[in-house]
Amino acid sequence: ERIVAAMPKSLDFAQAAALPLTTLASWELLFDRLVARPR
């Protein structure tokens, strides 16, 4: 459960299934590794 989240309410299952792995990869690389500064 720790690596799971509730789906976006505005998406259906197919639209939501497109997102998790690439979001985690890009988010962690951008903010944890490259230390981009969020607004």
PDB file of all heavy atoms in Angstrom:
ATOM      1  N   GLU A   1       0.804  -1.225   0.000  1.00  0.00           N
ATOM      2  CA  GLU A   1       0.000   0.000   0.000  1.00  0.00           C
ATOM      3  C   GLU A   1       0.832   1.268   0.000  1.00  0.00           C
ATOM      4  O   GLU A   1       0.369   2.328  -0.423  1.00  0.00           O
ATOM      5  CB  GLU A   1      -0.931   0.034   1.212  1.00  0.00           C
ATOM      6  CG  GLU A   1      -0.234   0.200   2.550  1.00  0.00           C
ATOM      7  CD  GLU A   1      -1.161   0.716   3.648  1.00  0.00           C
ATOM      8  OE1 GLU A   1      -2.210   1.300   3.335  1.00  0.00           O
ATOM      9  OE2 GLU A   1      -0.814   0.540   4.834  1.00  0.00           O
ATOM     10  N   ARG A   2       2.091   1.184   0.481  1.00  0.00           N
ATOM     11  CA  ARG A   2       2.906   2.391   0.588  1.00  0.00           C
ATOM     12  C   ARG A   2       3.306   2.975  -0.759  1.00  0.00           C
ATOM     13  O   ARG A   2       3.685   4.149  -0.841  1.00  0.00           O
ATOM     14  CB  ARG A   2       4.151   2.096   1.422  1.00  0.00           C
ATOM     15  CG  ARG A   2       3.870   1.916   2.903  1.00  0.00           C
ATOM     16  CD  ARG A   2       5.075   1.406   3.662  1.00  0.00           C
ATOM     17  NE  ARG A   2       5.341   0.000   3.354  1.00  0.00           N
ATOM     18  CZ  ARG A   2       6.318  -0.707   3.915  1.00  0.00           C
ATOM     19  NH1 ARG A   2       7.140  -0.140   4.780  1.00  0.00           N
ATOM     20  NH2 ARG A   2       6.497  -1.985   3.591  1.00  0.00           N
ATOM     21  N   ILE A   3       3.214   2.165  -1.830  1.00  0.00           N
ATOM     22  CA  ILE A   3       3.592   2.671  -3.150  1.00  0.00           C
ATOM     23  C   ILE A   3       2.367   2.813  -4.056  1.00  0.00           C
ATOM     24  O   ILE A   3       2.482   2.852  -5.277  1.00  0.00           O
ATOM     25  CB  ILE A   3       4.673   1.784  -3.796  1.00  0.00           C
ATOM     26  CG1 ILE A   3       4.228   0.325  -3.913  1.00  0.00           C
ATOM     27  CG2 ILE A   3       5.963   1.868  -2.987  1.00  0.00           C
ATOM     28  CD1 ILE A   3       5.228  -0.561  -4.650  1.00  0.00           C
ATOM     29  N   VAL A   4       1.204   2.944  -3.432  1.00  0.00           N
ATOM     30  CA  VAL A   4      -0.075   3.021  -4.136  1.00  0.00           C
ATOM     31  C   VAL A   4      -0.742   4.347  -3.789  1.00  0.00           C
ATOM     32  O   VAL A   4      -0.513   4.903  -2.723  1.00  0.00           O
ATOM     33  CB  VAL A   4      -0.983   1.845  -3.719  1.00  0.00           C
ATOM     34  CG1 VAL A   4      -2.373   1.962  -4.339  1.00  0.00           C
ATOM     35  CG2 VAL A   4      -0.341   0.513  -4.095  1.00  0.00           C
ATOM     36  N   ALA A   5      -1.576   4.852  -4.697  1.00  0.00           N
ATOM     37  CA  ALA A   5      -2.371   6.057  -4.417  1.00  0.00           C
ATOM     38  C   ALA A   5      -3.754   5.914  -5.030  1.00  0.00           C
ATOM     39  O   ALA A   5      -3.960   5.118  -5.955  1.00  0.00           O
ATOM     40  CB  ALA A   5      -1.687   7.305  -4.970  1.00  0.00           C
ATOM     41  N   ALA A   6      -4.680   6.687  -4.496  1.00  0.00           N
ATOM     42  CA  ALA A   6      -6.007   6.755  -5.099  1.00  0.00           C
ATOM     43  C   ALA A   6      -5.905   7.379  -6.485  1.00  0.00           C
ATOM     44  O   ALA A   6      -5.151   8.337  -6.700  1.00  0.00           O
ATOM     45  CB  ALA A   6      -6.946   7.578  -4.221  1.00  0.00           C
ATOM     46  N   MET A   7      -6.648   6.825  -7.428  1.00  0.00           N
ATOM     47  CA  MET A   7      -6.624   7.335  -8.796  1.00  0.00           C
ATOM     48  C   MET A   7      -7.112   8.783  -8.858  1.00  0.00           C
ATOM     49  O   MET A   7      -7.961   9.186  -8.072  1.00  0.00           O
ATOM     50  CB  MET A   7      -7.553   6.488  -9.688  1.00  0.00           C
ATOM     51  CG  MET A   7      -6.913   5.316 -10.364  1.00  0.00           C
ATOM     52  SD  MET A   7      -8.124   4.316 -11.285  1.00  0.00           S
ATOM     53  CE  MET A   7      -9.108   5.572 -12.121  1.00  0.00           C
ATOM     54  N   PRO A   8      -6.602   9.552  -9.832  1.00  0.00           N
ATOM     55  CA  PRO A   8      -7.208  10.859 -10.083  1.00  0.00           C
ATOM     56  C   PRO A   8      -8.695  10.704 -10.384  1.00  0.00           C
ATOM     57  O   PRO A   8      -9.095   9.819 -11.143  1.00  0.00           O
ATOM     58  CB  PRO A   8      -6.436  11.376 -11.304  1.00  0.00           C
ATOM     59  CG  PRO A   8      -5.138  10.630 -11.287  1.00  0.00           C
ATOM     60  CD  PRO A   8      -5.466   9.280 -10.729  1.00  0.00           C
ATOM     61  N   LYS A   9      -9.512  11.549  -9.785  1.00  0.00           N
ATOM     62  CA  LYS A   9     -10.963  11.439  -9.958  1.00  0.00           C
ATOM     63  C   LYS A   9     -11.398  11.761 -11.379  1.00  0.00           C
ATOM     64  O   LYS A   9     -12.452  11.311 -11.835  1.00  0.00           O
ATOM     65  CB  LYS A   9     -11.675  12.362  -8.975  1.00  0.00           C
ATOM     66  CG  LYS A   9     -11.499  11.959  -7.511  1.00  0.00           C
ATOM     67  CD  LYS A   9     -12.218  12.924  -6.589  1.00  0.00           C
ATOM     68  CE  LYS A   9     -12.169  12.450  -5.131  1.00  0.00           C
ATOM     69  NZ  LYS A   9     -10.790  12.345  -4.635  1.00  0.00           N
ATOM     70  N   SER A  10     -10.582  12.520 -12.100  1.00  0.00           N
ATOM     71  CA  SER A  10     -10.967  12.972 -13.438  1.00  0.00           C
ATOM     72  C   SER A  10     -10.569  11.997 -14.540  1.00  0.00           C
ATOM     73  O   SER A  10     -10.851  12.248 -15.721  1.00  0.00           O
ATOM     74  CB  SER A  10     -10.333  14.338 -13.724  1.00  0.00           C
ATOM     75  OG  SER A  10      -8.920  14.281 -13.588  1.00  0.00           O
ATOM     76  N   LEU A  11      -9.905  10.877 -14.194  1.00  0.00           N
ATOM     77  CA  LEU A  11      -9.429   9.937 -15.203  1.00  0.00           C
ATOM     78  C   LEU A  11     -10.142   8.601 -15.092  1.00  0.00           C
ATOM     79  O   LEU A  11     -10.570   8.194 -14.015  1.00  0.00           O
ATOM     80  CB  LEU A  11      -7.924   9.698 -15.053  1.00  0.00           C
ATOM     81  CG  LEU A  11      -6.996  10.900 -15.184  1.00  0.00           C
ATOM     82  CD1 LEU A  11      -5.543  10.437 -15.129  1.00  0.00           C
ATOM     83  CD2 LEU A  11      -7.253  11.681 -16.461  1.00  0.00           C
ATOM     84  N   ASP A  12     -10.243   7.901 -16.226  1.00  0.00           N
ATOM     85  CA  ASP A  12     -10.703   6.514 -16.177  1.00  0.00           C
ATOM     86  C   ASP A  12      -9.486   5.607 -15.952  1.00  0.00           C
ATOM     87  O   ASP A  12      -8.349   6.066 -15.840  1.00  0.00           O
ATOM     88  CB  ASP A  12     -11.494   6.142 -17.432  1.00  0.00           C
ATOM     89  CG  ASP A  12     -10.683   6.220 -18.725  1.00  0.00           C
ATOM     90  OD1 ASP A  12      -9.439   6.080 -18.669  1.00  0.00           O
ATOM     91  OD2 ASP A  12     -11.292   6.408 -19.802  1.00  0.00           O
ATOM     92  N   PHE A  13      -9.751   4.288 -15.871  1.00  0.00           N
ATOM     93  CA  PHE A  13      -8.672   3.368 -15.528  1.00  0.00           C
ATOM     94  C   PHE A  13      -7.542   3.391 -16.551  1.00  0.00           C
ATOM     95  O   PHE A  13      -6.361   3.367 -16.195  1.00  0.00           O
ATOM     96  CB  PHE A  13      -9.219   1.940 -15.375  1.00  0.00           C
ATOM     97  CG  PHE A  13     -10.071   1.755 -14.158  1.00  0.00           C
ATOM     98  CD1 PHE A  13     -11.445   1.665 -14.267  1.00  0.00           C
ATOM     99  CD2 PHE A  13      -9.502   1.677 -12.902  1.00  0.00           C
ATOM    100  CE1 PHE A  13     -12.241   1.491 -13.133  1.00  0.00           C
ATOM    101  CE2 PHE A  13     -10.279   1.501 -11.762  1.00  0.00           C
ATOM    102  CZ  PHE A  13     -11.659   1.411 -11.879  1.00  0.00           C
ATOM    103  N   ALA A  14      -7.870   3.420 -17.826  1.00  0.00           N
ATOM    104  CA  ALA A  14      -6.835   3.413 -18.859  1.00  0.00           C
ATOM    105  C   ALA A  14      -5.987   4.674 -18.802  1.00  0.00           C
ATOM    106  O   ALA A  14      -4.752   4.627 -18.924  1.00  0.00           O
ATOM    107  CB  ALA A  14      -7.471   3.258 -20.240  1.00  0.00           C
ATOM    108  N   GLN A  15      -6.631   5.815 -18.627  1.00  0.00           N
ATOM    109  CA  GLN A  15      -5.888   7.071 -18.549  1.00  0.00           C
ATOM    110  C   GLN A  15      -4.971   7.091 -17.332  1.00  0.00           C
ATOM    111  O   GLN A  15      -3.846   7.585 -17.393  1.00  0.00           O
ATOM    112  CB  GLN A  15      -6.865   8.232 -18.491  1.00  0.00           C
ATOM    113  CG  GLN A  15      -7.653   8.443 -19.774  1.00  0.00           C
ATOM    114  CD  GLN A  15      -8.819   9.396 -19.583  1.00  0.00           C
ATOM    115  OE1 GLN A  15      -9.452   9.439 -18.511  1.00  0.00           O
ATOM    116  NE2 GLN A  15      -9.130  10.171 -20.607  1.00  0.00           N
ATOM    117  N   ALA A  16      -5.440   6.532 -16.219  1.00  0.00           N
ATOM    118  CA  ALA A  16      -4.629   6.513 -15.002  1.00  0.00           C
ATOM    119  C   ALA A  16      -3.474   5.524 -15.102  1.00  0.00           C
ATOM    120  O   ALA A  16      -2.366   5.788 -14.611  1.00  0.00           O
ATOM    121  CB  ALA A  16      -5.504   6.173 -13.794  1.00  0.00           C
ATOM    122  N   ALA A  17      -3.697   4.383 -15.759  1.00  0.00           N
ATOM    123  CA  ALA A  17      -2.662   3.355 -15.853  1.00  0.00           C
ATOM    124  C   ALA A  17      -1.452   3.830 -16.649  1.00  0.00           C
ATOM    125  O   ALA A  17      -0.363   3.256 -16.537  1.00  0.00           O
ATOM    126  CB  ALA A  17      -3.235   2.090 -16.482  1.00  0.00           C
ATOM    127  N   ALA A  18      -1.610   4.855 -17.462  1.00  0.00           N
ATOM    128  CA  ALA A  18      -0.492   5.370 -18.253  1.00  0.00           C
ATOM    129  C   ALA A  18       0.544   6.105 -17.405  1.00  0.00           C
ATOM    130  O   ALA A  18       1.658   6.348 -17.878  1.00  0.00           O
ATOM    131  CB  ALA A  18      -1.013   6.309 -19.339  1.00  0.00           C
ATOM    132  N   LEU A  19       0.225   6.446 -16.157  1.00  0.00           N
ATOM    133  CA  LEU A  19       0.991   7.463 -15.452  1.00  0.00           C
ATOM    134  C   LEU A  19       1.996   7.019 -14.381  1.00  0.00           C
ATOM    135  O   LEU A  19       3.007   7.697 -14.193  1.00  0.00           O
ATOM    136  CB  LEU A  19       0.018   8.458 -14.794  1.00  0.00           C
ATOM    137  CG  LEU A  19      -0.841   9.271 -15.765  1.00  0.00           C
ATOM    138  CD1 LEU A  19      -1.854  10.108 -14.986  1.00  0.00           C
ATOM    139  CD2 LEU A  19       0.031  10.158 -16.628  1.00  0.00           C
ATOM    140  N   PRO A  20       1.764   5.973 -13.603  1.00  0.00           N
ATOM    141  CA  PRO A  20       2.576   5.808 -12.386  1.00  0.00           C
ATOM    142  C   PRO A  20       4.081   5.686 -12.589  1.00  0.00           C
ATOM    143  O   PRO A  20       4.850   6.457 -11.993  1.00  0.00           O
ATOM    144  CB  PRO A  20       1.996   4.538 -11.744  1.00  0.00           C
ATOM    145  CG  PRO A  20       0.590   4.483 -12.242  1.00  0.00           C
ATOM    146  CD  PRO A  20       0.652   5.005 -13.646  1.00  0.00           C
ATOM    147  N   LEU A  21       4.551   4.708 -13.365  1.00  0.00           N
ATOM    148  CA  LEU A  21       5.990   4.469 -13.446  1.00  0.00           C
ATOM    149  C   LEU A  21       6.733   5.678 -13.996  1.00  0.00           C
ATOM    150  O   LEU A  21       7.765   6.089 -13.455  1.00  0.00           O
ATOM    151  CB  LEU A  21       6.289   3.239 -14.310  1.00  0.00           C
ATOM    152  CG  LEU A  21       7.761   2.825 -14.300  1.00  0.00           C
ATOM    153  CD1 LEU A  21       8.119   2.146 -12.987  1.00  0.00           C
ATOM    154  CD2 LEU A  21       8.094   1.930 -15.472  1.00  0.00           C
ATOM    155  N   THR A  22       6.222   6.264 -15.060  1.00  0.00           N
ATOM    156  CA  THR A  22       6.921   7.397 -15.667  1.00  0.00           C
ATOM    157  C   THR A  22       6.870   8.628 -14.769  1.00  0.00           C
ATOM    158  O   THR A  22       7.810   9.429 -14.762  1.00  0.00           O
ATOM    159  CB  THR A  22       6.325   7.726 -17.040  1.00  0.00           C
ATOM    160  OG1 THR A  22       4.914   7.941 -16.912  1.00  0.00           O
ATOM    161  CG2 THR A  22       6.576   6.592 -18.018  1.00  0.00           C
ATOM    162  N   THR A  23       5.795   8.789 -14.012  1.00  0.00           N
ATOM    163  CA  THR A  23       5.745   9.895 -13.054  1.00  0.00           C
ATOM    164  C   THR A  23       6.784   9.711 -11.970  1.00  0.00           C
ATOM    165  O   THR A  23       7.537  10.645 -11.644  1.00  0.00           O
ATOM    166  CB  THR A  23       4.355   9.995 -12.414  1.00  0.00           C
ATOM    167  OG1 THR A  23       3.394  10.313 -13.413  1.00  0.00           O
ATOM    168  CG2 THR A  23       4.327  11.066 -11.335  1.00  0.00           C
ATOM    169  N   LEU A  24       6.850   8.514 -11.393  1.00  0.00           N
ATOM    170  CA  LEU A  24       7.827   8.270 -10.340  1.00  0.00           C
ATOM    171  C   LEU A  24       9.247   8.449 -10.856  1.00  0.00           C
ATOM    172  O   LEU A  24      10.093   9.066 -10.191  1.00  0.00           O
ATOM    173  CB  LEU A  24       7.635   6.864  -9.781  1.00  0.00           C
ATOM    174  CG  LEU A  24       6.326   6.617  -9.032  1.00  0.00           C
ATOM    175  CD1 LEU A  24       6.151   5.136  -8.735  1.00  0.00           C
ATOM    176  CD2 LEU A  24       6.255   7.431  -7.751  1.00  0.00           C
ATOM    177  N   ALA A  25       9.525   7.923 -12.039  1.00  0.00           N
ATOM    178  CA  ALA A  25      10.873   8.037 -12.596  1.00  0.00           C
ATOM    179  C   ALA A  25      11.249   9.497 -12.830  1.00  0.00           C
ATOM    180  O   ALA A  25      12.347   9.936 -12.453  1.00  0.00           O
ATOM    181  CB  ALA A  25      10.965   7.253 -13.896  1.00  0.00           C
ATOM    182  N   SER A  26      10.368  10.249 -13.452  1.00  0.00           N
ATOM    183  CA  SER A  26      10.694  11.640 -13.779  1.00  0.00           C
ATOM    184  C   SER A  26      10.718  12.514 -12.531  1.00  0.00           C
ATOM    185  O   SER A  26      11.593  13.382 -12.391  1.00  0.00           O
ATOM    186  CB  SER A  26       9.712  12.188 -14.813  1.00  0.00           C
ATOM    187  OG  SER A  26       8.375  12.031 -14.402  1.00  0.00           O
ATOM    188  N   TRP A  27       9.802  12.296 -11.595  1.00  0.00           N
ATOM    189  CA  TRP A  27       9.753  13.094 -10.365  1.00  0.00           C
ATOM    190  C   TRP A  27      11.010  12.867  -9.536  1.00  0.00           C
ATOM    191  O   TRP A  27      11.655  13.826  -9.092  1.00  0.00           O
ATOM    192  CB  TRP A  27       8.510  12.716  -9.559  1.00  0.00           C
ATOM    193  CG  TRP A  27       8.200  13.628  -8.407  1.00  0.00           C
ATOM    194  CD1 TRP A  27       8.980  13.866  -7.310  1.00  0.00           C
ATOM    195  CD2 TRP A  27       7.018  14.431  -8.240  1.00  0.00           C
ATOM    196  NE1 TRP A  27       8.359  14.743  -6.470  1.00  0.00           N
ATOM    197  CE2 TRP A  27       7.160  15.109  -7.004  1.00  0.00           C
ATOM    198  CE3 TRP A  27       5.870  14.601  -8.996  1.00  0.00           C
ATOM    199  CZ2 TRP A  27       6.167  15.973  -6.520  1.00  0.00           C
ATOM    200  CZ3 TRP A  27       4.881  15.461  -8.510  1.00  0.00           C
ATOM    201  CH2 TRP A  27       5.039  16.141  -7.298  1.00  0.00           C
ATOM    202  N   GLU A  28      11.351  11.599  -9.307  1.00  0.00           N
ATOM    203  CA  GLU A  28      12.528  11.299  -8.494  1.00  0.00           C
ATOM    204  C   GLU A  28      13.811  11.794  -9.154  1.00  0.00           C
ATOM    205  O   GLU A  28      14.696  12.334  -8.487  1.00  0.00           O
ATOM    206  CB  GLU A  28      12.608   9.796  -8.229  1.00  0.00           C
ATOM    207  CG  GLU A  28      11.514   9.292  -7.302  1.00  0.00           C
ATOM    208  CD  GLU A  28      11.520   7.780  -7.129  1.00  0.00           C
ATOM    209  OE1 GLU A  28      12.179   7.084  -7.936  1.00  0.00           O
ATOM    210  OE2 GLU A  28      10.863   7.305  -6.189  1.00  0.00           O
ATOM    211  N   LEU A  29      13.911  11.621 -10.464  1.00  0.00           N
ATOM    212  CA  LEU A  29      15.109  12.083 -11.175  1.00  0.00           C
ATOM    213  C   LEU A  29      15.204  13.600 -11.135  1.00  0.00           C
ATOM    214  O   LEU A  29      16.280  14.165 -10.891  1.00  0.00           O
ATOM    215  CB  LEU A  29      15.064  11.586 -12.618  1.00  0.00           C
ATOM    216  CG  LEU A  29      16.360  11.616 -13.427  1.00  0.00           C
ATOM    217  CD1 LEU A  29      17.461  10.829 -12.742  1.00  0.00           C
ATOM    218  CD2 LEU A  29      16.111  11.062 -14.821  1.00  0.00           C
ATOM    219  N   LEU A  30      14.085  14.281 -11.342  1.00  0.00           N
ATOM    220  CA  LEU A  30      14.085  15.741 -11.418  1.00  0.00           C
ATOM    221  C   LEU A  30      14.334  16.382 -10.060  1.00  0.00           C
ATOM    222  O   LEU A  30      15.179  17.276  -9.927  1.00  0.00           O
ATOM    223  CB  LEU A  30      12.744  16.212 -11.986  1.00  0.00           C
ATOM    224  CG  LEU A  30      12.589  17.711 -12.266  1.00  0.00           C
ATOM    225  CD1 LEU A  30      13.607  18.187 -13.292  1.00  0.00           C
ATOM    226  CD2 LEU A  30      11.167  18.006 -12.758  1.00  0.00           C
ATOM    227  N   PHE A  31      13.617  15.919  -9.034  1.00  0.00           N
ATOM    228  CA  PHE A  31      13.672  16.603  -7.743  1.00  0.00           C
ATOM    229  C   PHE A  31      14.648  15.957  -6.750  1.00  0.00           C
ATOM    230  O   PHE A  31      15.315  16.663  -5.991  1.00  0.00           O
ATOM    231  CB  PHE A  31      12.276  16.683  -7.131  1.00  0.00           C
ATOM    232  CG  PHE A  31      11.336  17.539  -7.923  1.00  0.00           C
ATOM    233  CD1 PHE A  31      10.269  16.971  -8.596  1.00  0.00           C
ATOM    234  CD2 PHE A  31      11.527  18.907  -8.023  1.00  0.00           C
ATOM    235  CE1 PHE A  31       9.392  17.754  -9.344  1.00  0.00           C
ATOM    236  CE2 PHE A  31      10.668  19.700  -8.768  1.00  0.00           C
ATOM    237  CZ  PHE A  31       9.600  19.122  -9.433  1.00  0.00           C
ATOM    238  N   ASP A  32      14.761  14.629  -6.738  1.00  0.00           N
ATOM    239  CA  ASP A  32      15.656  13.972  -5.784  1.00  0.00           C
ATOM    240  C   ASP A  32      17.095  13.927  -6.280  1.00  0.00           C
ATOM    241  O   ASP A  32      18.026  14.088  -5.482  1.00  0.00           O
ATOM    242  CB  ASP A  32      15.192  12.544  -5.501  1.00  0.00           C
ATOM    243  CG  ASP A  32      13.837  12.483  -4.835  1.00  0.00           C
ATOM    244  OD1 ASP A  32      13.359  13.527  -4.361  1.00  0.00           O
ATOM    245  OD2 ASP A  32      13.246  11.386  -4.794  1.00  0.00           O
ATOM    246  N   ARG A  33      17.307  13.677  -7.559  1.00  0.00           N
ATOM    247  CA  ARG A  33      18.663  13.522  -8.087  1.00  0.00           C
ATOM    248  C   ARG A  33      19.212  14.848  -8.640  1.00  0.00           C
ATOM    249  O   ARG A  33      20.310  15.249  -8.309  1.00  0.00           O
ATOM    250  CB  ARG A  33      18.686  12.455  -9.176  1.00  0.00           C
ATOM    251  CG  ARG A  33      18.202  11.102  -8.704  1.00  0.00           C
ATOM    252  CD  ARG A  33      19.164  10.425  -7.727  1.00  0.00           C
ATOM    253  NE  ARG A  33      18.546   9.244  -7.140  1.00  0.00           N
ATOM    254  CZ  ARG A  33      17.936   9.216  -5.961  1.00  0.00           C
ATOM    255  NH1 ARG A  33      17.878  10.319  -5.231  1.00  0.00           N
ATOM    256  NH2 ARG A  33      17.381   8.122  -5.488  1.00  0.00           N
ATOM    257  N   LEU A  34      18.460  15.501  -9.515  1.00  0.00           N
ATOM    258  CA  LEU A  34      18.938  16.754 -10.113  1.00  0.00           C
ATOM    259  C   LEU A  34      18.642  17.964  -9.243  1.00  0.00           C
ATOM    260  O   LEU A  34      19.135  19.063  -9.505  1.00  0.00           O
ATOM    261  CB  LEU A  34      18.305  16.943 -11.499  1.00  0.00           C
ATOM    262  CG  LEU A  34      18.678  15.896 -12.543  1.00  0.00           C
ATOM    263  CD1 LEU A  34      17.989  16.193 -13.870  1.00  0.00           C
ATOM    264  CD2 LEU A  34      20.189  15.821 -12.747  1.00  0.00           C
ATOM    265  N   VAL A  35      17.859  17.782  -8.205  1.00  0.00           N
ATOM    266  CA  VAL A  35      17.546  18.814  -7.211  1.00  0.00           C
ATOM    267  C   VAL A  35      16.998  20.070  -7.878  1.00  0.00           C
ATOM    268  O   VAL A  35      17.449  21.193  -7.610  1.00  0.00           O
ATOM    269  CB  VAL A  35      18.768  19.143  -6.310  1.00  0.00           C
ATOM    270  CG1 VAL A  35      18.328  19.865  -5.040  1.00  0.00           C
ATOM    271  CG2 VAL A  35      19.520  17.877  -5.932  1.00  0.00           C
ATOM    272  N   ALA A  36      16.049  19.876  -8.793  1.00  0.00           N
ATOM    273  CA  ALA A  36      15.317  21.025  -9.331  1.00  0.00           C
ATOM    274  C   ALA A  36      14.561  21.688  -8.186  1.00  0.00           C
ATOM    275  O   ALA A  36      14.115  21.030  -7.241  1.00  0.00           O
ATOM    276  CB  ALA A  36      14.352  20.567 -10.413  1.00  0.00           C
ATOM    277  N   ARG A  37      14.404  23.002  -8.272  1.00  0.00           N
ATOM    278  CA  ARG A  37      13.787  23.759  -7.187  1.00  0.00           C
ATOM    279  C   ARG A  37      12.325  24.057  -7.535  1.00  0.00           C
ATOM    280  O   ARG A  37      12.053  24.871  -8.424  1.00  0.00           O
ATOM    281  CB  ARG A  37      14.561  25.050  -6.945  1.00  0.00           C
ATOM    282  CG  ARG A  37      15.991  24.804  -6.487  1.00  0.00           C
ATOM    283  CD  ARG A  37      16.710  26.089  -6.122  1.00  0.00           C
ATOM    284  NE  ARG A  37      17.093  26.864  -7.292  1.00  0.00           N
ATOM    285  CZ  ARG A  37      18.253  26.715  -7.938  1.00  0.00           C
ATOM    286  NH1 ARG A  37      19.118  25.788  -7.555  1.00  0.00           N
ATOM    287  NH2 ARG A  37      18.533  27.473  -8.985  1.00  0.00           N
ATOM    288  N   PRO A  38      11.380  23.426  -6.836  1.00  0.00           N
ATOM    289  CA  PRO A  38       9.972  23.689  -7.143  1.00  0.00           C
ATOM    290  C   PRO A  38       9.553  25.079  -6.675  1.00  0.00           C
ATOM    291  O   PRO A  38      10.123  25.631  -5.727  1.00  0.00           O
ATOM    292  CB  PRO A  38       9.226  22.596  -6.370  1.00  0.00           C
ATOM    293  CG  PRO A  38      10.145  22.215  -5.266  1.00  0.00           C
ATOM    294  CD  PRO A  38      11.538  22.407  -5.792  1.00  0.00           C
ATOM    295  N   ARG A  39       8.565  25.638  -7.364  1.00  0.00           N
ATOM    296  CA  ARG A  39       8.029  26.926  -6.939  1.00  0.00           C
ATOM    297  C   ARG A  39       7.470  26.798  -5.518  1.00  0.00           C
ATOM    298  O   ARG A  39       6.985  25.742  -5.131  1.00  0.00           O
ATOM    299  CB  ARG A  39       6.911  27.372  -7.898  1.00  0.00           C
ATOM    300  CG  ARG A  39       7.353  27.567  -9.325  1.00  0.00           C
ATOM    301  CD  ARG A  39       6.229  28.220 -10.146  1.00  0.00           C
ATOM    302  NE  ARG A  39       6.548  28.147 -11.561  1.00  0.00           N
ATOM    303  CZ  ARG A  39       6.082  27.194 -12.384  1.00  0.00           C
ATOM    304  NH1 ARG A  39       5.257  26.273 -11.924  1.00  0.00           N
ATOM    305  NH2 ARG A  39       6.420  27.186 -13.653  1.00  0.00           N
TER     306      ARG A  39
END
